[in-house]
Amino acid sequence: MPKAIRSLLLGGVLLTAVALVGMAATAGVPRPETGWLSWIFIPLYGVGAGMLIAAGLWWLVRFTRRRDDAR
């Protein structure tokens, strides 16, 4: 697996994990002083999930091209 795909995959895993932990920590009754904090983790989760999907598709395309190679 190329280093770029591995980095994208690891970054997606880390962002998604941080977002899930953050959403779990800020769940419950919203408090005025930390209410804005819970809204940070939702886009962070989306970016992390998008990175995971992009890494998976990138790897899949490279894998299928390599398998179709006549060499």
Protein backbone atom coordinates (compact mmCIF):
# COMPACT_ATOMS: atom_id res chain seq x y z
CA MET A 1 0.00 0.00 0.00
CA PRO A 2 1.48 3.38 -0.97
CA LYS A 3 2.43 5.79 1.79
CA ALA A 4 -0.08 8.42 0.62
CA ILE A 5 -3.02 6.01 0.87
CA ARG A 6 -1.80 4.78 4.25
CA SER A 7 -1.53 8.37 5.52
CA LEU A 8 -5.02 9.22 4.27
CA LEU A 9 -6.41 6.10 5.90
CA LEU A 10 -4.66 6.76 9.22
CA GLY A 11 -5.78 10.39 9.20
CA GLY A 12 -9.37 9.33 8.58
CA VAL A 13 -9.26 6.82 11.41
CA LEU A 14 -7.80 9.38 13.81
CA LEU A 15 -10.26 12.15 12.88
CA THR A 16 -13.21 9.80 13.14
CA ALA A 17 -12.03 8.46 16.50
CA VAL A 18 -11.49 11.95 17.92
CA ALA A 19 -14.91 13.03 16.66
CA LEU A 20 -16.65 10.01 18.19
CA VAL A 21 -14.95 10.52 21.55
CA GLY A 22 -15.75 14.23 21.42
CA MET A 23 -19.40 13.63 20.58
CA ALA A 24 -19.65 11.12 23.41
CA ALA A 25 -18.05 13.57 25.85
CA THR A 26 -20.36 16.44 24.91
CA ALA A 27 -23.57 14.39 24.72
CA GLY A 28 -26.36 15.12 27.11
CA VAL A 29 -27.97 18.33 28.26
CA PRO A 30 -26.39 21.25 26.39
CA ARG A 31 -24.73 23.82 28.59
CA PRO A 32 -24.35 27.40 27.34
CA GLU A 33 -20.59 27.48 27.97
CA THR A 34 -19.83 24.26 26.03
CA GLY A 35 -22.76 24.11 23.61
CA TRP A 36 -20.65 25.34 20.68
CA LEU A 37 -18.08 22.60 21.33
CA SER A 38 -20.43 19.80 20.30
CA TRP A 39 -20.90 21.37 16.85
CA ILE A 40 -17.17 21.06 16.09
CA PHE A 41 -17.22 17.27 16.23
CA ILE A 42 -19.97 16.77 13.64
CA PRO A 43 -18.00 18.19 10.67
CA LEU A 44 -14.86 16.53 12.04
CA TYR A 45 -16.65 13.19 11.85
CA GLY A 46 -17.75 13.92 8.29
CA VAL A 47 -14.23 14.83 7.20
CA GLY A 48 -12.81 11.70 8.84
CA ALA A 49 -15.41 9.46 7.22
CA GLY A 50 -14.79 11.14 3.86
CA MET A 51 -11.07 10.50 4.21
CA LEU A 52 -11.73 6.83 4.96
CA ILE A 53 -13.98 6.50 1.91
CA ALA A 54 -11.45 8.30 -0.31
CA ALA A 55 -8.60 6.09 0.89
CA GLY A 56 -10.66 2.96 0.29
CA LEU A 57 -11.66 4.01 -3.22
CA TRP A 58 -8.10 5.07 -4.06
CA TRP A 59 -6.76 1.72 -2.87
CA LEU A 60 -9.47 -0.17 -4.78
CA VAL A 61 -8.71 1.64 -8.04
CA ARG A 62 -4.98 0.97 -7.70
CA PHE A 63 -5.61 -2.67 -6.78
CA THR A 64 -7.90 -3.34 -9.74
CA ARG A 65 -5.55 -1.60 -12.17
CA ARG A 66 -2.64 -3.68 -10.92
CA ARG A 67 -4.64 -6.91 -11.28
CA ASP A 68 -5.66 -6.03 -14.85
CA ASP A 69 -2.04 -5.42 -15.83
CA ALA A 70 -0.92 -7.94 -18.47
CA ARG A 71 2.60 -8.22 -17.07
